[in-house]
PDB file of N, CA and C in Angstrom:
ATOM      1  N   MET A   1      91.543  97.058 105.188  1.00  0.00           N
ATOM      2  CA  MET A   1      92.625  98.219 104.411  1.00  0.00           C
ATOM      3  C   MET A   1      91.511  99.059 103.544  1.00  0.00           C
ATOM      4  N   THR A   2      90.679  98.650 103.057  1.00  0.00           N
ATOM      5  CA  THR A   2      89.880  98.830 102.325  1.00  0.00           C
ATOM      6  C   THR A   2      88.419 100.033 103.214  1.00  0.00           C
ATOM      7  N   LEU A   3      88.131  99.312 104.389  1.00  0.00           N
ATOM      8  CA  LEU A   3      87.308 100.501 105.175  1.00  0.00           C
ATOM      9  C   LEU A   3      87.982 101.418 105.472  1.00  0.00           C
ATOM     10  N   ILE A   4      89.314 101.529 105.811  1.00  0.00           N
ATOM     11  CA  ILE A   4      90.046 103.068 105.970  1.00  0.00           C
ATOM     12  C   ILE A   4      90.287 103.776 105.017  1.00  0.00           C
ATOM     13  N   MET A   5      90.203 103.494 103.750  1.00  0.00           N
ATOM     14  CA  MET A   5      90.215 104.360 102.711  1.00  0.00           C
ATOM     15  C   MET A   5      88.991 104.333 102.517  1.00  0.00           C
ATOM     16  N   TRP A   6      87.831 103.942 102.721  1.00  0.00           N
ATOM     17  CA  TRP A   6      86.042 104.632 102.656  1.00  0.00           C
ATOM     18  C   TRP A   6      86.043 106.174 103.644  1.00  0.00           C
ATOM     19  N   ILE A   7      86.896 105.195 105.308  1.00  0.00           N
ATOM     20  CA  ILE A   7      86.642 106.376 105.872  1.00  0.00           C
ATOM     21  C   ILE A   7      87.353 107.623 105.256  1.00  0.00           C
ATOM     22  N   ALA A   8      88.527 107.596 105.077  1.00  0.00           N
ATOM     23  CA  ALA A   8      89.091 108.744 104.151  1.00  0.00           C
ATOM     24  C   ALA A   8      88.451 109.480 103.098  1.00  0.00           C
ATOM     25  N   ILE A   9      88.043 108.477 102.457  1.00  0.00           N
ATOM     26  CA  ILE A   9      87.202 108.740 101.490  1.00  0.00           C
ATOM     27  C   ILE A   9      85.913 110.019 102.184  1.00  0.00           C
ATOM     28  N   GLY A  10      85.295 109.798 103.184  1.00  0.00           N
ATOM     29  CA  GLY A  10      83.975 110.255 103.481  1.00  0.00           C
ATOM     30  C   GLY A  10      84.590 111.387 104.257  1.00  0.00           C
ATOM     31  N   VAL A  11      85.977 111.667 104.979  1.00  0.00           N
ATOM     32  CA  VAL A  11      86.305 112.358 105.526  1.00  0.00           C
ATOM     33  C   VAL A  11      87.107 113.732 104.631  1.00  0.00           C
ATOM     34  N   VAL A  12      87.302 113.175 103.311  1.00  0.00           N
ATOM     35  CA  VAL A  12      87.772 113.985 102.646  1.00  0.00           C
ATOM     36  C   VAL A  12      86.382 114.915 101.793  1.00  0.00           C
ATOM     37  N   ALA A  13      85.667 114.154 101.461  1.00  0.00           N
ATOM     38  CA  ALA A  13      84.069 114.636 101.028  1.00  0.00           C
ATOM     39  C   ALA A  13      83.653 115.753 102.279  1.00  0.00           C
ATOM     40  N   GLY A  14      83.688 115.010 103.306  1.00  0.00           N
ATOM     41  CA  GLY A  14      83.029 116.158 105.004  1.00  0.00           C
ATOM     42  C   GLY A  14      83.794 117.529 104.898  1.00  0.00           C
ATOM     43  N   CYS A  15      85.478 117.700 104.611  1.00  0.00           N
ATOM     44  CA  CYS A  15      85.834 119.018 104.432  1.00  0.00           C
ATOM     45  C   CYS A  15      85.991 119.591 103.618  1.00  0.00           C
ATOM     46  N   ILE A  16      85.712 118.733 102.319  1.00  0.00           N
ATOM     47  CA  ILE A  16      85.381 119.817 101.243  1.00  0.00           C
ATOM     48  C   ILE A  16      83.809 120.305 101.149  1.00  0.00           C
ATOM     49  N   LYS A  17      83.180 119.845 101.502  1.00  0.00           N
ATOM     50  CA  LYS A  17      81.872 120.148 101.841  1.00  0.00           C
ATOM     51  C   LYS A  17      81.556 121.456 102.714  1.00  0.00           C
ATOM     52  N   ARG A  18      82.915 121.366 104.204  1.00  0.00           N
ATOM     53  CA  ARG A  18      82.332 122.711 104.593  1.00  0.00           C
ATOM     54  C   ARG A  18      83.403 123.757 104.468  1.00  0.00           C
ATOM     55  N   MET A  19      84.492 123.656 103.294  1.00  0.00           N
ATOM     56  CA  MET A  19      85.284 124.632 102.908  1.00  0.00           C
ATOM     57  C   MET A  19      84.017 125.302 101.790  1.00  0.00           C
ATOM     58  N   VAL A  20      83.291 124.641 100.571  1.00  0.00           N
ATOM     59  CA  VAL A  20      82.178 125.121 100.092  1.00  0.00           C
ATOM     60  C   VAL A  20      81.415 126.184 100.307  1.00  0.00           C
ATOM     61  N   PHE A  21      80.520 125.216 101.313  1.00  0.00           N
ATOM     62  CA  PHE A  21      79.500 125.551 102.459  1.00  0.00           C
ATOM     63  C   PHE A  21      79.657 126.129 103.700  1.00  0.00           C
ATOM     64  N   PRO A  22      80.621 126.851 103.990  1.00  0.00           N
ATOM     65  CA  PRO A  22      81.087 127.408 104.789  1.00  0.00           C
ATOM     66  C   PRO A  22      79.905 127.800 106.612  1.00  0.00           C
ATOM     67  N   GLY A  23      79.068 128.662 105.305  1.00  0.00           N
ATOM     68  CA  GLY A  23      78.071 128.998 106.678  1.00  0.00           C
ATOM     69  C   GLY A  23      76.961 127.969 106.495  1.00  0.00           C
ATOM     70  N   ARG A  24      76.582 127.322 106.036  1.00  0.00           N
ATOM     71  CA  ARG A  24      75.339 126.439 106.250  1.00  0.00           C
ATOM     72  C   ARG A  24      75.153 125.848 107.582  1.00  0.00           C
ATOM     73  N   PRO A  25      74.284 125.343 107.803  1.00  0.00           N
ATOM     74  CA  PRO A  25      74.099 124.954 109.602  1.00  0.00           C
ATOM     75  C   PRO A  25      74.718 123.413 109.842  1.00  0.00           C
ATOM     76  N   GLY A  26      74.923 123.226 110.670  1.00  0.00           N
ATOM     77  CA  GLY A  26      75.162 121.859 111.164  1.00  0.00           C
ATOM     78  C   GLY A  26      76.659 122.178 111.357  1.00  0.00           C
ATOM     79  N   GLY A  27      77.113 121.533 112.232  1.00  0.00           N
ATOM     80  CA  GLY A  27      78.877 121.685 112.627  1.00  0.00           C
ATOM     81  C   GLY A  27      79.613 120.549 111.704  1.00  0.00           C
ATOM     82  N   CYS A  28      81.220 120.454 111.621  1.00  0.00           N
ATOM     83  CA  CYS A  28      81.903 119.855 111.394  1.00  0.00           C
ATOM     84  C   CYS A  28      82.057 118.624 111.800  1.00  0.00           C
ATOM     85  N   VAL A  29      81.829 118.132 112.718  1.00  0.00           N
ATOM     86  CA  VAL A  29      81.543 117.003 113.404  1.00  0.00           C
ATOM     87  C   VAL A  29      80.428 116.332 112.637  1.00  0.00           C
ATOM     88  N   PRO A  30      78.928 116.845 112.686  1.00  0.00           N
ATOM     89  CA  PRO A  30      78.084 115.718 111.941  1.00  0.00           C
ATOM     90  C   PRO A  30      78.259 115.235 110.693  1.00  0.00           C
ATOM     91  N   THR A  31      78.654 116.809 109.492  1.00  0.00           N
ATOM     92  CA  THR A  31      79.229 116.913 108.270  1.00  0.00           C
ATOM     93  C   THR A  31      79.842 115.773 107.937  1.00  0.00           C
ATOM     94  N   LEU A  32      80.925 115.452 108.960  1.00  0.00           N
ATOM     95  CA  LEU A  32      82.005 114.465 108.721  1.00  0.00           C
ATOM     96  C   LEU A  32      81.475 112.644 109.316  1.00  0.00           C
ATOM     97  N   VAL A  33      80.444 113.364 109.944  1.00  0.00           N
ATOM     98  CA  VAL A  33      79.746 111.767 110.205  1.00  0.00           C
ATOM     99  C   VAL A  33      79.281 111.404 109.516  1.00  0.00           C
ATOM    100  N   LEU A  34      78.250 111.977 108.635  1.00  0.00           N
ATOM    101  CA  LEU A  34      77.620 112.051 107.743  1.00  0.00           C
ATOM    102  C   LEU A  34      77.972 111.436 106.587  1.00  0.00           C
ATOM    103  N   ALA A  35      79.025 112.310 105.954  1.00  0.00           N
ATOM    104  CA  ALA A  35      80.084 111.951 104.798  1.00  0.00           C
ATOM    105  C   ALA A  35      80.633 110.151 105.061  1.00  0.00           C
ATOM    106  N   VAL A  36      80.958 110.082 105.902  1.00  0.00           N
ATOM    107  CA  VAL A  36      82.051 108.525 106.404  1.00  0.00           C
ATOM    108  C   VAL A  36      81.007 107.809 106.148  1.00  0.00           C
ATOM    109  N   ILE A  37      79.415 108.114 107.028  1.00  0.00           N
ATOM    110  CA  ILE A  37      78.373 106.854 107.079  1.00  0.00           C
ATOM    111  C   ILE A  37      77.989 106.595 105.723  1.00  0.00           C
ATOM    112  N   GLY A  38      77.998 107.595 104.394  1.00  0.00           N
ATOM    113  CA  GLY A  38      77.837 107.190 103.216  1.00  0.00           C
ATOM    114  C   GLY A  38      78.840 106.727 101.887  1.00  0.00           C
ATOM    115  N   ALA A  39      79.954 107.064 102.648  1.00  0.00           N
ATOM    116  CA  ALA A  39      80.927 106.318 101.896  1.00  0.00           C
ATOM    117  C   ALA A  39      80.943 104.780 102.647  1.00  0.00           C
ATOM    118  N   LEU A  40      80.967 104.304 103.683  1.00  0.00           N
ATOM    119  CA  LEU A  40      80.702 103.425 104.014  1.00  0.00           C
ATOM    120  C   LEU A  40      80.131 102.399 103.349  1.00  0.00           C
ATOM    121  N   ILE A  41      78.624 102.978 103.152  1.00  0.00           N
ATOM    122  CA  ILE A  41      77.188 102.177 102.334  1.00  0.00           C
ATOM    123  C   ILE A  41      77.557 101.906 101.092  1.00  0.00           C
ATOM    124  N   GLY A  42      78.026 103.170 100.550  1.00  0.00           N
ATOM    125  CA  GLY A  42      78.584 103.160  99.352  1.00  0.00           C
ATOM    126  C   GLY A  42      79.525 102.107  98.785  1.00  0.00           C
ATOM    127  N   GLY A  43      80.884 102.138  99.825  1.00  0.00           N
ATOM    128  CA  GLY A  43      81.358 101.442  99.188  1.00  0.00           C
ATOM    129  C   GLY A  43      80.963  99.862  99.431  1.00  0.00           C
ATOM    130  N   TYR A  44      80.625  99.472 100.607  1.00  0.00           N
ATOM    131  CA  TYR A  44      79.784  98.283 100.624  1.00  0.00           C
ATOM    132  C   TYR A  44      79.065  97.525  99.458  1.00  0.00           C
ATOM    133  N   ILE A  45      78.210  98.816  98.976  1.00  0.00           N
ATOM    134  CA  ILE A  45      77.061  97.865  98.148  1.00  0.00           C
ATOM    135  C   ILE A  45      77.977  97.724  96.929  1.00  0.00           C
ATOM    136  N   ALA A  46      78.976  98.779  96.479  1.00  0.00           N
ATOM    137  CA  ALA A  46      80.060  98.643  95.444  1.00  0.00           C
ATOM    138  C   ALA A  46      80.710  97.119  95.453  1.00  0.00           C
ATOM    139  N   THR A  47      81.235  96.925  96.316  1.00  0.00           N
ATOM    140  CA  THR A  47      82.213  95.689  96.941  1.00  0.00           C
ATOM    141  C   THR A  47      81.333  94.301  96.479  1.00  0.00           C
ATOM    142  N   TYR A  48      79.984  94.420  97.250  1.00  0.00           N
ATOM    143  CA  TYR A  48      79.048  93.682  97.525  1.00  0.00           C
ATOM    144  C   TYR A  48      78.356  92.837  95.809  1.00  0.00           C
ATOM    145  N   PHE A  49      78.728  94.489  94.996  1.00  0.00           N
ATOM    146  CA  PHE A  49      78.549  93.874  93.653  1.00  0.00           C
ATOM    147  C   PHE A  49      79.485  93.338  92.636  1.00  0.00           C
ATOM    148  N   THR A  50      80.557  93.480  92.921  1.00  0.00           N
ATOM    149  CA  THR A  50      81.752  93.579  91.951  1.00  0.00           C
ATOM    150  C   THR A  50      82.521  92.544  92.618  1.00  0.00           C
ATOM    151  N   THR A  51      83.099  92.547  93.626  1.00  0.00           N
ATOM    152  CA  THR A  51      84.201  91.589  93.978  1.00  0.00           C
ATOM    153  C   THR A  51      83.861  90.514  95.128  1.00  0.00           C
ATOM    154  N   GLY A  52      82.934  91.595  96.092  1.00  0.00           N
ATOM    155  CA  GLY A  52      82.528  90.114  97.176  1.00  0.00           C
ATOM    156  C   GLY A  52      83.314  90.371  98.295  1.00  0.00           C
ATOM    157  N   ASP A  53      84.430  91.214  98.183  1.00  0.00           N
ATOM    158  CA  ASP A  53      85.218  91.088  99.219  1.00  0.00           C
ATOM    159  C   ASP A  53      85.905  92.147  99.779  1.00  0.00           C
ATOM    160  N   LEU A  54      85.851  92.286 100.946  1.00  0.00           N
ATOM    161  CA  LEU A  54      86.272  93.728 101.888  1.00  0.00           C
ATOM    162  C   LEU A  54      87.941  93.918 101.897  1.00  0.00           C
ATOM    163  N   ALA A  55      88.752  92.560 101.731  1.00  0.00           N
ATOM    164  CA  ALA A  55      89.976  93.307 102.034  1.00  0.00           C
ATOM    165  C   ALA A  55      90.659  93.608 100.383  1.00  0.00           C
ATOM    166  N   THR A  56      89.826  93.464  99.720  1.00  0.00           N
ATOM    167  CA  THR A  56      90.623  94.193  98.241  1.00  0.00           C
ATOM    168  C   THR A  56      90.982  95.118  98.163  1.00  0.00           C
ATOM    169  N   LEU A  57      91.182  96.237  97.517  1.00  0.00           N
ATOM    170  CA  LEU A  57      91.193  97.539  96.828  1.00  0.00           C
ATOM    171  C   LEU A  57      90.320  97.393  95.494  1.00  0.00           C
ATOM    172  N   HIS A  58      89.491  97.767  95.301  1.00  0.00           N
ATOM    173  CA  HIS A  58      88.799  97.782  93.732  1.00  0.00           C
ATOM    174  C   HIS A  58      88.453  99.321  93.471  1.00  0.00           C
ATOM    175  N   PRO A  59      88.693  99.752  92.195  1.00  0.00           N
ATOM    176  CA  PRO A  59      88.439 101.135  92.096  1.00  0.00           C
ATOM    177  C   PRO A  59      87.016 101.822  91.906  1.00  0.00           C
ATOM    178  N   ALA A  60      86.139 100.664  91.866  1.00  0.00           N
ATOM    179  CA  ALA A  60      85.106 100.450  91.931  1.00  0.00           C
ATOM    180  C   ALA A  60      84.559 100.883  92.969  1.00  0.00           C
ATOM    181  N   GLY A  61      84.640 100.240  93.658  1.00  0.00           N
ATOM    182  CA  GLY A  61      84.697 100.799  95.771  1.00  0.00           C
ATOM    183  C   GLY A  61      84.614 101.894  95.825  1.00  0.00           C
ATOM    184  N   PHE A  62      86.144 102.527  95.168  1.00  0.00           N
ATOM    185  CA  PHE A  62      86.348 104.376  95.754  1.00  0.00           C
ATOM    186  C   PHE A  62      85.593 105.130  95.161  1.00  0.00           C
ATOM    187  N   GLY A  63      85.163 104.738  94.324  1.00  0.00           N
ATOM    188  CA  GLY A  63      84.363 105.968  93.275  1.00  0.00           C
ATOM    189  C   GLY A  63      82.563 106.084  93.826  1.00  0.00           C
ATOM    190  N   VAL A  64      82.201 104.694  94.299  1.00  0.00           N
ATOM    191  CA  VAL A  64      80.475 104.927  94.597  1.00  0.00           C
ATOM    192  C   VAL A  64      80.764 104.696  95.688  1.00  0.00           C
ATOM    193  N   ALA A  65      82.351 105.267  96.799  1.00  0.00           N
ATOM    194  CA  ALA A  65      82.296 105.369  98.137  1.00  0.00           C
ATOM    195  C   ALA A  65      82.282 106.630  97.872  1.00  0.00           C
ATOM    196  N   LEU A  66      82.815 107.277  97.454  1.00  0.00           N
ATOM    197  CA  LEU A  66      82.709 108.934  97.119  1.00  0.00           C
ATOM    198  C   LEU A  66      80.984 109.151  96.748  1.00  0.00           C
ATOM    199  N   LEU A  67      80.436 108.722  95.486  1.00  0.00           N
ATOM    200  CA  LEU A  67      79.133 108.876  94.652  1.00  0.00           C
ATOM    201  C   LEU A  67      78.387 108.952  96.712  1.00  0.00           C
ATOM    202  N   GLY A  68      78.497 107.826  97.173  1.00  0.00           N
ATOM    203  CA  GLY A  68      77.245 107.513  98.471  1.00  0.00           C
ATOM    204  C   GLY A  68      77.908 108.825  99.587  1.00  0.00           C
ATOM    205  N   SER A  69      78.652 109.187  99.860  1.00  0.00           N
ATOM    206  CA  SER A  69      79.692 110.375 100.579  1.00  0.00           C
ATOM    207  C   SER A  69      78.968 111.829 100.163  1.00  0.00           C
ATOM    208  N   ILE A  70      78.595 111.921  98.598  1.00  0.00           N
ATOM    209  CA  ILE A  70      78.558 113.358  98.294  1.00  0.00           C
ATOM    210  C   ILE A  70      76.672 112.982  98.446  1.00  0.00           C
ATOM    211  N   LEU A  71      76.247 111.874  97.931  1.00  0.00           N
ATOM    212  CA  LEU A  71      74.597 111.581  98.082  1.00  0.00           C
ATOM    213  C   LEU A  71      74.075 111.508  99.707  1.00  0.00           C
ATOM    214  N   MET A  72      74.748 111.110 100.130  1.00  0.00           N
ATOM    215  CA  MET A  72      74.320 111.389 101.632  1.00  0.00           C
ATOM    216  C   MET A  72      74.681 112.764 102.511  1.00  0.00           C
ATOM    217  N   LEU A  73      75.816 113.476 102.075  1.00  0.00           N
ATOM    218  CA  LEU A  73      75.035 114.902 102.885  1.00  0.00           C
ATOM    219  C   LEU A  73      74.417 115.598 101.526  1.00  0.00           C
ATOM    220  N   LEU A  74      74.044 115.177 100.635  1.00  0.00           N
ATOM    221  CA  LEU A  74      73.197 116.095  99.701  1.00  0.00           C
ATOM    222  C   LEU A  74      71.877 116.103 100.266  1.00  0.00           C
ATOM    223  N   VAL A  75      71.673 114.777 100.644  1.00  0.00           N
ATOM    224  CA  VAL A  75      69.897 114.286 101.012  1.00  0.00           C
ATOM    225  C   VAL A  75      70.079 115.108 102.406  1.00  0.00           C
ATOM    226  N   ALA A  76      71.113 114.976 103.150  1.00  0.00           N
ATOM    227  CA  ALA A  76      71.034 115.633 104.375  1.00  0.00           C
ATOM    228  C   ALA A  76      71.147 117.518 104.701  1.00  0.00           C
ATOM    229  N   ALA A  77      71.688 117.738 103.756  1.00  0.00           N
ATOM    230  CA  ALA A  77      71.574 119.427 102.928  1.00  0.00           C
ATOM    231  C   ALA A  77      69.674 119.747 103.075  1.00  0.00           C
ATOM    232  N   LYS A  78      69.107 118.755 102.267  1.00  0.00           N
ATOM    233  CA  LYS A  78      67.687 119.064 101.247  1.00  0.00           C
ATOM    234  C   LYS A  78      67.133 118.465 102.782  1.00  0.00           C
ATOM    235  N   LEU A  79      67.407 117.790 103.540  1.00  0.00           N
ATOM    236  CA  LEU A  79      66.651 117.859 104.707  1.00  0.00           C
ATOM    237  C   LEU A  79      66.443 118.648 105.725  1.00  0.00           C
ATOM    238  N   ARG A  80      67.284 119.487 105.772  1.00  0.00           N
ATOM    239  CA  ARG A  80      67.715 120.574 106.708  1.00  0.00           C
ATOM    240  C   ARG A  80      67.266 121.870 106.619  1.00  0.00           C
ATOM    241  N   ILE A  81      66.268 121.490 105.317  1.00  0.00           N
ATOM    242  CA  ILE A  81      65.851 122.837 104.955  1.00  0.00           C
ATOM    243  C   ILE A  81      64.670 123.760 105.760  1.00  0.00           C
TER     244      ILE A  81
END
């Protein structure tokens, strides 16, 4: 259940990024994939340091998943200069 929520957070963050910056290079699918990867990495890191269990829904995991998703999108945008 937690993994599905992290994927949903990544998809939402990717969609918001595409709405805010519609003319930027890169398609919709790569943006969503990068956001989901960032959310999964961030959520896993938060779970590792807080609960250590992927089966429970933890609020810190959601926050760090969102932060990881945004960070991954920002790094990708900077690398595409």
